[in-house]
Amino acid sequence: MSANKHVVCPHCNAVNRIPADRLSQSPACGKCRKPVFTGEPVKLTAENYQKHINRSDLPIVVDYWAPWCGPCKMMAPAFAQVASQMEPEIRFAKVNTEEEQVIASNMAIRSIPTMVIFKNGREVARQSGAMRAADILNWVKRSV
């Protein structure tokens, strides 16, 4: 019997208990019935940020970005590519620092893009500056 993992639904933010050995079997949310894993970064807002960071048993990689930031826009496809490769073992998410200034301030985001990896609600790694997909992948693998 496999241990259960708590995973927050990207659609309704319900916390799902999923057997670890079934994470790769396209589980559906127990509340909204939509896929728990979409292969795309989850948009984090003031309403769902704490739940995703603190209630998920999966490591979560958060990209703090802004729409006016050229390097952020350049890195976005690479971040999405790595998200599709590494899910369901690792959750990827994005915070628009223009819309979520309180989150950015609380996290002491001084330059963007900045990526932060959380495990069990705690920051374990931080990287500022745009990166290519291969570099993001290697950084995440080294850091989790």
N, C-alpha and C. Protein backbone atom coordinates (compact mmCIF):
# COMPACT_ATOMS: atom_id res chain seq x y z
N MET A 1 0.84 -1.19 0.00
CA MET A 1 0.00 0.00 0.00
C MET A 1 0.88 1.25 0.00
N SER A 2 0.50 2.20 -0.80
CA SER A 2 1.29 3.41 -0.99
C SER A 2 0.81 4.52 -0.06
N ALA A 3 1.73 5.37 0.32
CA ALA A 3 1.37 6.54 1.14
C ALA A 3 0.55 7.51 0.29
N ASN A 4 -0.32 8.23 0.95
CA ASN A 4 -1.11 9.24 0.26
C ASN A 4 -0.37 10.56 0.20
N LYS A 5 -0.61 11.31 -0.87
CA LYS A 5 -0.06 12.66 -1.03
C LYS A 5 -1.23 13.63 -1.08
N HIS A 6 -1.08 14.74 -0.37
CA HIS A 6 -2.07 15.80 -0.47
C HIS A 6 -1.69 16.69 -1.65
N VAL A 7 -2.65 16.90 -2.55
CA VAL A 7 -2.42 17.72 -3.73
C VAL A 7 -3.60 18.68 -3.88
N VAL A 8 -3.30 19.96 -4.05
CA VAL A 8 -4.35 20.97 -4.18
C VAL A 8 -4.79 21.05 -5.64
N CYS A 9 -6.10 21.02 -5.85
CA CYS A 9 -6.65 21.10 -7.21
C CYS A 9 -6.38 22.48 -7.81
N PRO A 10 -5.89 22.52 -9.06
CA PRO A 10 -5.61 23.81 -9.70
C PRO A 10 -6.88 24.56 -10.11
N HIS A 11 -8.04 23.86 -10.09
CA HIS A 11 -9.30 24.46 -10.54
C HIS A 11 -10.13 25.01 -9.39
N CYS A 12 -10.35 24.18 -8.35
CA CYS A 12 -11.24 24.59 -7.26
C CYS A 12 -10.52 24.75 -5.93
N ASN A 13 -9.22 24.43 -5.90
CA ASN A 13 -8.37 24.56 -4.71
C ASN A 13 -8.73 23.60 -3.58
N ALA A 14 -9.48 22.54 -3.89
CA ALA A 14 -9.75 21.51 -2.89
C ALA A 14 -8.47 20.70 -2.67
N VAL A 15 -8.27 20.24 -1.44
CA VAL A 15 -7.12 19.39 -1.13
C VAL A 15 -7.54 17.95 -1.34
N ASN A 16 -6.82 17.25 -2.23
CA ASN A 16 -7.11 15.86 -2.55
C ASN A 16 -6.06 14.95 -1.94
N ARG A 17 -6.49 13.79 -1.43
CA ARG A 17 -5.57 12.76 -0.95
C ARG A 17 -5.46 11.72 -2.05
N ILE A 18 -4.26 11.59 -2.61
CA ILE A 18 -4.05 10.69 -3.74
C ILE A 18 -2.95 9.72 -3.38
N PRO A 19 -3.17 8.41 -3.57
CA PRO A 19 -2.08 7.45 -3.33
C PRO A 19 -0.88 7.81 -4.20
N ALA A 20 0.30 7.80 -3.61
CA ALA A 20 1.52 8.23 -4.32
C ALA A 20 1.72 7.43 -5.61
N ASP A 21 1.37 6.16 -5.59
CA ASP A 21 1.58 5.34 -6.79
C ASP A 21 0.52 5.58 -7.86
N ARG A 22 -0.45 6.47 -7.60
CA ARG A 22 -1.48 6.79 -8.60
C ARG A 22 -1.37 8.22 -9.12
N LEU A 23 -0.34 8.94 -8.70
CA LEU A 23 -0.18 10.33 -9.14
C LEU A 23 -0.09 10.44 -10.66
N SER A 24 0.57 9.48 -11.29
CA SER A 24 0.77 9.55 -12.74
C SER A 24 -0.40 8.97 -13.53
N GLN A 25 -1.48 8.61 -12.84
CA GLN A 25 -2.63 7.99 -13.52
C GLN A 25 -3.77 8.99 -13.76
N SER A 26 -3.44 10.25 -13.96
CA SER A 26 -4.40 11.31 -14.27
C SER A 26 -5.56 11.38 -13.28
N PRO A 27 -5.27 11.54 -11.99
CA PRO A 27 -6.36 11.59 -11.01
C PRO A 27 -7.23 12.82 -11.20
N ALA A 28 -8.52 12.64 -10.87
CA ALA A 28 -9.47 13.75 -10.93
C ALA A 28 -9.73 14.26 -9.51
N CYS A 29 -10.07 15.52 -9.41
CA CYS A 29 -10.37 16.13 -8.12
C CYS A 29 -11.65 15.51 -7.56
N GLY A 30 -11.63 15.21 -6.27
CA GLY A 30 -12.80 14.65 -5.62
C GLY A 30 -13.96 15.63 -5.52
N LYS A 31 -13.67 16.92 -5.61
CA LYS A 31 -14.72 17.93 -5.48
C LYS A 31 -15.28 18.37 -6.84
N CYS A 32 -14.39 18.83 -7.73
CA CYS A 32 -14.88 19.38 -9.01
C CYS A 32 -14.78 18.40 -10.19
N ARG A 33 -14.11 17.27 -9.96
CA ARG A 33 -13.95 16.21 -10.97
C ARG A 33 -13.06 16.58 -12.15
N LYS A 34 -12.39 17.73 -12.09
CA LYS A 34 -11.46 18.11 -13.16
C LYS A 34 -10.10 17.49 -12.86
N PRO A 35 -9.20 17.41 -13.86
CA PRO A 35 -7.88 16.82 -13.64
C PRO A 35 -7.08 17.58 -12.58
N VAL A 36 -6.45 16.84 -11.67
CA VAL A 36 -5.62 17.45 -10.64
C VAL A 36 -4.31 17.94 -11.26
N PHE A 37 -3.86 17.25 -12.31
CA PHE A 37 -2.64 17.65 -13.01
C PHE A 37 -2.97 18.03 -14.43
N THR A 38 -2.57 19.24 -14.82
CA THR A 38 -2.87 19.74 -16.17
C THR A 38 -1.61 19.84 -17.02
N GLY A 39 -0.43 19.70 -16.39
CA GLY A 39 0.81 19.88 -17.13
C GLY A 39 1.13 21.34 -17.39
N GLU A 40 0.37 22.24 -16.76
CA GLU A 40 0.59 23.67 -16.92
C GLU A 40 0.76 24.31 -15.55
N PRO A 41 1.51 25.42 -15.49
CA PRO A 41 1.64 26.11 -14.21
C PRO A 41 0.30 26.61 -13.69
N VAL A 42 0.12 26.53 -12.39
CA VAL A 42 -1.10 26.98 -11.73
C VAL A 42 -0.96 28.47 -11.43
N LYS A 43 -2.02 29.24 -11.69
CA LYS A 43 -2.00 30.67 -11.35
C LYS A 43 -2.32 30.81 -9.87
N LEU A 44 -1.38 31.41 -9.13
CA LEU A 44 -1.58 31.63 -7.70
C LEU A 44 -2.00 33.07 -7.45
N THR A 45 -2.97 33.23 -6.56
CA THR A 45 -3.50 34.54 -6.20
C THR A 45 -3.56 34.63 -4.67
N ALA A 46 -3.97 35.78 -4.18
CA ALA A 46 -4.11 35.96 -2.73
C ALA A 46 -5.08 34.93 -2.16
N GLU A 47 -6.06 34.51 -2.94
CA GLU A 47 -7.07 33.57 -2.47
C GLU A 47 -6.55 32.13 -2.34
N ASN A 48 -5.64 31.72 -3.20
CA ASN A 48 -5.23 30.30 -3.18
C ASN A 48 -3.75 30.07 -2.86
N TYR A 49 -2.96 31.12 -2.72
CA TYR A 49 -1.52 31.01 -2.55
C TYR A 49 -1.15 30.15 -1.33
N GLN A 50 -1.64 30.51 -0.17
CA GLN A 50 -1.26 29.80 1.06
C GLN A 50 -1.67 28.33 1.02
N LYS A 51 -2.83 28.04 0.45
CA LYS A 51 -3.29 26.65 0.39
C LYS A 51 -2.35 25.82 -0.47
N HIS A 52 -1.97 26.35 -1.64
CA HIS A 52 -1.07 25.59 -2.52
C HIS A 52 0.31 25.41 -1.89
N ILE A 53 0.83 26.45 -1.25
CA ILE A 53 2.16 26.38 -0.66
C ILE A 53 2.17 25.46 0.57
N ASN A 54 1.17 25.60 1.42
CA ASN A 54 1.20 24.93 2.73
C ASN A 54 0.48 23.59 2.80
N ARG A 55 -0.43 23.30 1.88
CA ARG A 55 -1.22 22.08 2.00
C ARG A 55 -0.82 20.97 1.03
N SER A 56 0.05 21.27 0.09
CA SER A 56 0.48 20.27 -0.89
C SER A 56 1.69 19.51 -0.38
N ASP A 57 1.67 18.20 -0.55
CA ASP A 57 2.83 17.37 -0.21
C ASP A 57 3.86 17.35 -1.32
N LEU A 58 3.51 17.88 -2.48
CA LEU A 58 4.46 17.93 -3.59
C LEU A 58 5.32 19.19 -3.46
N PRO A 59 6.58 19.11 -3.89
CA PRO A 59 7.36 20.35 -3.99
C PRO A 59 6.65 21.27 -4.99
N ILE A 60 6.72 22.56 -4.76
CA ILE A 60 6.09 23.51 -5.67
C ILE A 60 7.12 24.56 -6.08
N VAL A 61 7.24 24.78 -7.39
CA VAL A 61 8.16 25.76 -7.95
C VAL A 61 7.32 26.94 -8.41
N VAL A 62 7.57 28.11 -7.82
CA VAL A 62 6.78 29.31 -8.12
C VAL A 62 7.63 30.31 -8.90
N ASP A 63 7.08 30.76 -10.02
CA ASP A 63 7.70 31.80 -10.84
C ASP A 63 7.01 33.12 -10.51
N TYR A 64 7.76 34.05 -9.93
CA TYR A 64 7.25 35.40 -9.65
C TYR A 64 7.62 36.26 -10.85
N TRP A 65 6.63 36.84 -11.51
CA TRP A 65 6.84 37.52 -12.78
C TRP A 65 5.91 38.74 -12.88
N ALA A 66 6.06 39.51 -13.96
CA ALA A 66 5.16 40.63 -14.26
C ALA A 66 4.99 40.73 -15.77
N PRO A 67 3.81 41.20 -16.21
CA PRO A 67 3.54 41.26 -17.66
C PRO A 67 4.45 42.22 -18.42
N TRP A 68 4.99 43.25 -17.76
CA TRP A 68 5.84 44.23 -18.43
C TRP A 68 7.30 43.78 -18.51
N CYS A 69 7.63 42.65 -17.89
CA CYS A 69 9.01 42.19 -17.77
C CYS A 69 9.42 41.34 -18.99
N GLY A 70 10.34 41.87 -19.78
CA GLY A 70 10.80 41.16 -20.97
C GLY A 70 11.41 39.79 -20.66
N PRO A 71 12.37 39.71 -19.73
CA PRO A 71 12.94 38.40 -19.39
C PRO A 71 11.88 37.41 -18.86
N CYS A 72 10.87 37.93 -18.16
CA CYS A 72 9.80 37.05 -17.67
C CYS A 72 9.05 36.43 -18.84
N LYS A 73 8.74 37.27 -19.83
CA LYS A 73 8.01 36.77 -21.00
C LYS A 73 8.87 35.79 -21.80
N MET A 74 10.19 36.05 -21.85
CA MET A 74 11.09 35.14 -22.56
C MET A 74 11.16 33.78 -21.87
N MET A 75 11.13 33.79 -20.53
CA MET A 75 11.28 32.54 -19.77
C MET A 75 9.97 31.74 -19.68
N ALA A 76 8.83 32.39 -19.85
CA ALA A 76 7.53 31.73 -19.64
C ALA A 76 7.37 30.41 -20.41
N PRO A 77 7.72 30.35 -21.71
CA PRO A 77 7.57 29.07 -22.41
C PRO A 77 8.47 27.97 -21.84
N ALA A 78 9.68 28.32 -21.42
CA ALA A 78 10.60 27.34 -20.84
C ALA A 78 10.05 26.82 -19.52
N PHE A 79 9.50 27.72 -18.69
CA PHE A 79 8.91 27.33 -17.41
C PHE A 79 7.74 26.38 -17.65
N ALA A 80 6.88 26.71 -18.62
CA ALA A 80 5.73 25.86 -18.94
C ALA A 80 6.18 24.50 -19.47
N GLN A 81 7.24 24.48 -20.27
CA GLN A 81 7.77 23.23 -20.81
C GLN A 81 8.24 22.32 -19.68
N VAL A 82 8.98 22.87 -18.73
CA VAL A 82 9.49 22.08 -17.61
C VAL A 82 8.32 21.60 -16.74
N ALA A 83 7.30 22.45 -16.57
CA ALA A 83 6.12 22.05 -15.80
C ALA A 83 5.48 20.81 -16.42
N SER A 84 5.35 20.79 -17.72
CA SER A 84 4.72 19.65 -18.38
C SER A 84 5.59 18.39 -18.27
N GLN A 85 6.91 18.56 -18.15
CA GLN A 85 7.81 17.41 -18.03
C GLN A 85 7.86 16.86 -16.61
N MET A 86 7.76 17.72 -15.61
CA MET A 86 8.01 17.30 -14.23
C MET A 86 6.74 16.98 -13.43
N GLU A 87 5.57 17.41 -13.91
CA GLU A 87 4.34 17.03 -13.23
C GLU A 87 4.10 15.57 -13.52
N PRO A 88 3.62 14.77 -12.59
CA PRO A 88 3.00 15.10 -11.31
C PRO A 88 3.94 15.04 -10.10
N GLU A 89 5.23 14.84 -10.31
CA GLU A 89 6.13 14.76 -9.16
C GLU A 89 6.32 16.12 -8.48
N ILE A 90 6.24 17.19 -9.29
CA ILE A 90 6.47 18.55 -8.79
C ILE A 90 5.41 19.46 -9.40
N ARG A 91 4.84 20.33 -8.58
CA ARG A 91 3.84 21.29 -9.06
C ARG A 91 4.54 22.59 -9.43
N PHE A 92 4.14 23.20 -10.53
CA PHE A 92 4.67 24.48 -10.98
C PHE A 92 3.55 25.51 -10.91
N ALA A 93 3.90 26.74 -10.52
CA ALA A 93 2.90 27.79 -10.37
C ALA A 93 3.51 29.14 -10.70
N LYS A 94 2.63 30.12 -10.95
CA LYS A 94 3.08 31.47 -11.30
C LYS A 94 2.34 32.49 -10.44
N VAL A 95 3.07 33.53 -10.04
CA VAL A 95 2.47 34.66 -9.32
C VAL A 95 2.76 35.92 -10.12
N ASN A 96 1.71 36.59 -10.57
CA ASN A 96 1.84 37.87 -11.25
C ASN A 96 2.06 38.93 -10.17
N THR A 97 3.28 39.44 -10.07
CA THR A 97 3.62 40.36 -8.98
C THR A 97 2.94 41.73 -9.12
N GLU A 98 2.44 42.05 -10.30
CA GLU A 98 1.66 43.29 -10.47
C GLU A 98 0.30 43.15 -9.81
N GLU A 99 -0.33 41.99 -10.00
CA GLU A 99 -1.65 41.74 -9.43
C GLU A 99 -1.58 41.34 -7.96
N GLU A 100 -0.49 40.71 -7.56
CA GLU A 100 -0.35 40.16 -6.21
C GLU A 100 0.83 40.80 -5.49
N GLN A 101 0.76 42.13 -5.31
CA GLN A 101 1.87 42.87 -4.72
C GLN A 101 2.13 42.49 -3.27
N VAL A 102 1.09 42.10 -2.54
CA VAL A 102 1.27 41.72 -1.14
C VAL A 102 2.09 40.42 -1.06
N ILE A 103 1.78 39.46 -1.92
CA ILE A 103 2.55 38.21 -1.94
C ILE A 103 4.01 38.52 -2.27
N ALA A 104 4.24 39.32 -3.31
CA ALA A 104 5.60 39.66 -3.72
C ALA A 104 6.35 40.35 -2.59
N SER A 105 5.68 41.24 -1.89
CA SER A 105 6.30 41.95 -0.77
C SER A 105 6.62 40.98 0.37
N ASN A 106 5.66 40.14 0.72
CA ASN A 106 5.87 39.17 1.80
C ASN A 106 7.01 38.21 1.50
N MET A 107 7.21 37.91 0.22
CA MET A 107 8.27 36.99 -0.20
C MET A 107 9.59 37.72 -0.47
N ALA A 108 9.60 39.04 -0.29
CA ALA A 108 10.81 39.84 -0.53
C ALA A 108 11.35 39.64 -1.94
N ILE A 109 10.44 39.68 -2.92
CA ILE A 109 10.85 39.56 -4.32
C ILE A 109 11.41 40.91 -4.74
N ARG A 110 12.69 40.96 -5.05
CA ARG A 110 13.37 42.22 -5.38
C ARG A 110 13.62 42.36 -6.87
N SER A 111 13.72 41.24 -7.58
CA SER A 111 13.91 41.29 -9.03
C SER A 111 13.09 40.16 -9.64
N ILE A 112 12.70 40.35 -10.88
CA ILE A 112 11.92 39.32 -11.56
C ILE A 112 12.55 39.04 -12.91
N PRO A 113 12.41 37.83 -13.43
CA PRO A 113 11.74 36.72 -12.77
C PRO A 113 12.57 36.16 -11.61
N THR A 114 11.88 35.70 -10.60
CA THR A 114 12.48 34.96 -9.50
C THR A 114 11.68 33.69 -9.32
N MET A 115 12.38 32.56 -9.21
CA MET A 115 11.73 31.28 -8.94
C MET A 115 12.08 30.85 -7.52
N VAL A 116 11.08 30.33 -6.82
CA VAL A 116 11.27 29.83 -5.47
C VAL A 116 10.70 28.42 -5.40
N ILE A 117 11.46 27.51 -4.77
CA ILE A 117 10.97 26.15 -4.56
C ILE A 117 10.58 26.01 -3.10
N PHE A 118 9.36 25.49 -2.89
CA PHE A 118 8.85 25.22 -1.55
C PHE A 118 8.68 23.72 -1.37
N LYS A 119 9.03 23.24 -0.18
CA LYS A 119 8.75 21.85 0.21
C LYS A 119 8.14 21.92 1.60
N ASN A 120 6.99 21.28 1.76
CA ASN A 120 6.30 21.27 3.05
C ASN A 120 6.10 22.68 3.59
N GLY A 121 5.76 23.62 2.70
CA GLY A 121 5.46 24.98 3.10
C GLY A 121 6.67 25.86 3.36
N ARG A 122 7.87 25.33 3.20
CA ARG A 122 9.09 26.10 3.48
C ARG A 122 9.90 26.33 2.20
N GLU A 123 10.48 27.52 2.11
CA GLU A 123 11.35 27.83 0.98
C GLU A 123 12.63 27.02 1.10
N VAL A 124 13.00 26.31 0.02
CA VAL A 124 14.23 25.52 0.04
C VAL A 124 15.25 26.01 -0.98
N ALA A 125 14.81 26.81 -1.96
CA ALA A 125 15.74 27.33 -2.97
C ALA A 125 15.13 28.54 -3.64
N ARG A 126 16.00 29.44 -4.11
CA ARG A 126 15.56 30.67 -4.79
C ARG A 126 16.55 30.97 -5.89
N GLN A 127 16.04 31.40 -7.04
CA GLN A 127 16.88 31.72 -8.19
C GLN A 127 16.28 32.92 -8.92
N SER A 128 17.06 33.96 -9.10
CA SER A 128 16.58 35.13 -9.85
C SER A 128 17.21 35.14 -11.23
N GLY A 129 16.47 35.70 -12.18
CA GLY A 129 16.96 35.80 -13.56
C GLY A 129 16.34 34.75 -14.45
N ALA A 130 16.19 35.11 -15.72
CA ALA A 130 15.59 34.19 -16.69
C ALA A 130 16.53 33.01 -16.95
N MET A 131 15.93 31.85 -17.12
CA MET A 131 16.69 30.63 -17.39
C MET A 131 16.06 29.88 -18.56
N ARG A 132 16.88 29.09 -19.24
CA ARG A 132 16.38 28.22 -20.30
C ARG A 132 15.76 26.99 -19.67
N ALA A 133 14.98 26.25 -20.43
CA ALA A 133 14.28 25.07 -19.91
C ALA A 133 15.25 24.06 -19.28
N ALA A 134 16.35 23.77 -19.96
CA ALA A 134 17.31 22.79 -19.43
C ALA A 134 17.90 23.26 -18.11
N ASP A 135 18.13 24.56 -17.98
CA ASP A 135 18.69 25.10 -16.74
C ASP A 135 17.66 25.04 -15.60
N ILE A 136 16.40 25.35 -15.92
CA ILE A 136 15.33 25.25 -14.91
C ILE A 136 15.22 23.81 -14.43
N LEU A 137 15.19 22.88 -15.38
CA LEU A 137 15.07 21.46 -15.05
C LEU A 137 16.21 21.01 -14.14
N ASN A 138 17.44 21.37 -14.48
CA ASN A 138 18.59 20.98 -13.66
C ASN A 138 18.56 21.62 -12.28
N TRP A 139 18.18 22.90 -12.21
CA TRP A 139 18.10 23.60 -10.93
C TRP A 139 17.06 22.95 -10.01
N VAL A 140 15.90 22.64 -10.59
CA VAL A 140 14.84 22.01 -9.78
C VAL A 140 15.28 20.64 -9.30
N LYS A 141 15.86 19.83 -10.18
CA LYS A 141 16.33 18.49 -9.78
C LYS A 141 17.38 18.56 -8.67
N ARG A 142 18.29 19.53 -8.75
CA ARG A 142 19.31 19.70 -7.72
C ARG A 142 18.73 20.17 -6.39
N SER A 143 17.65 20.91 -6.46
CA SER A 143 17.14 21.62 -5.27
C SER A 143 16.07 20.87 -4.49
N VAL A 144 15.40 19.90 -5.09
CA VAL A 144 14.31 19.22 -4.35
C VAL A 144 14.74 17.94 -3.68
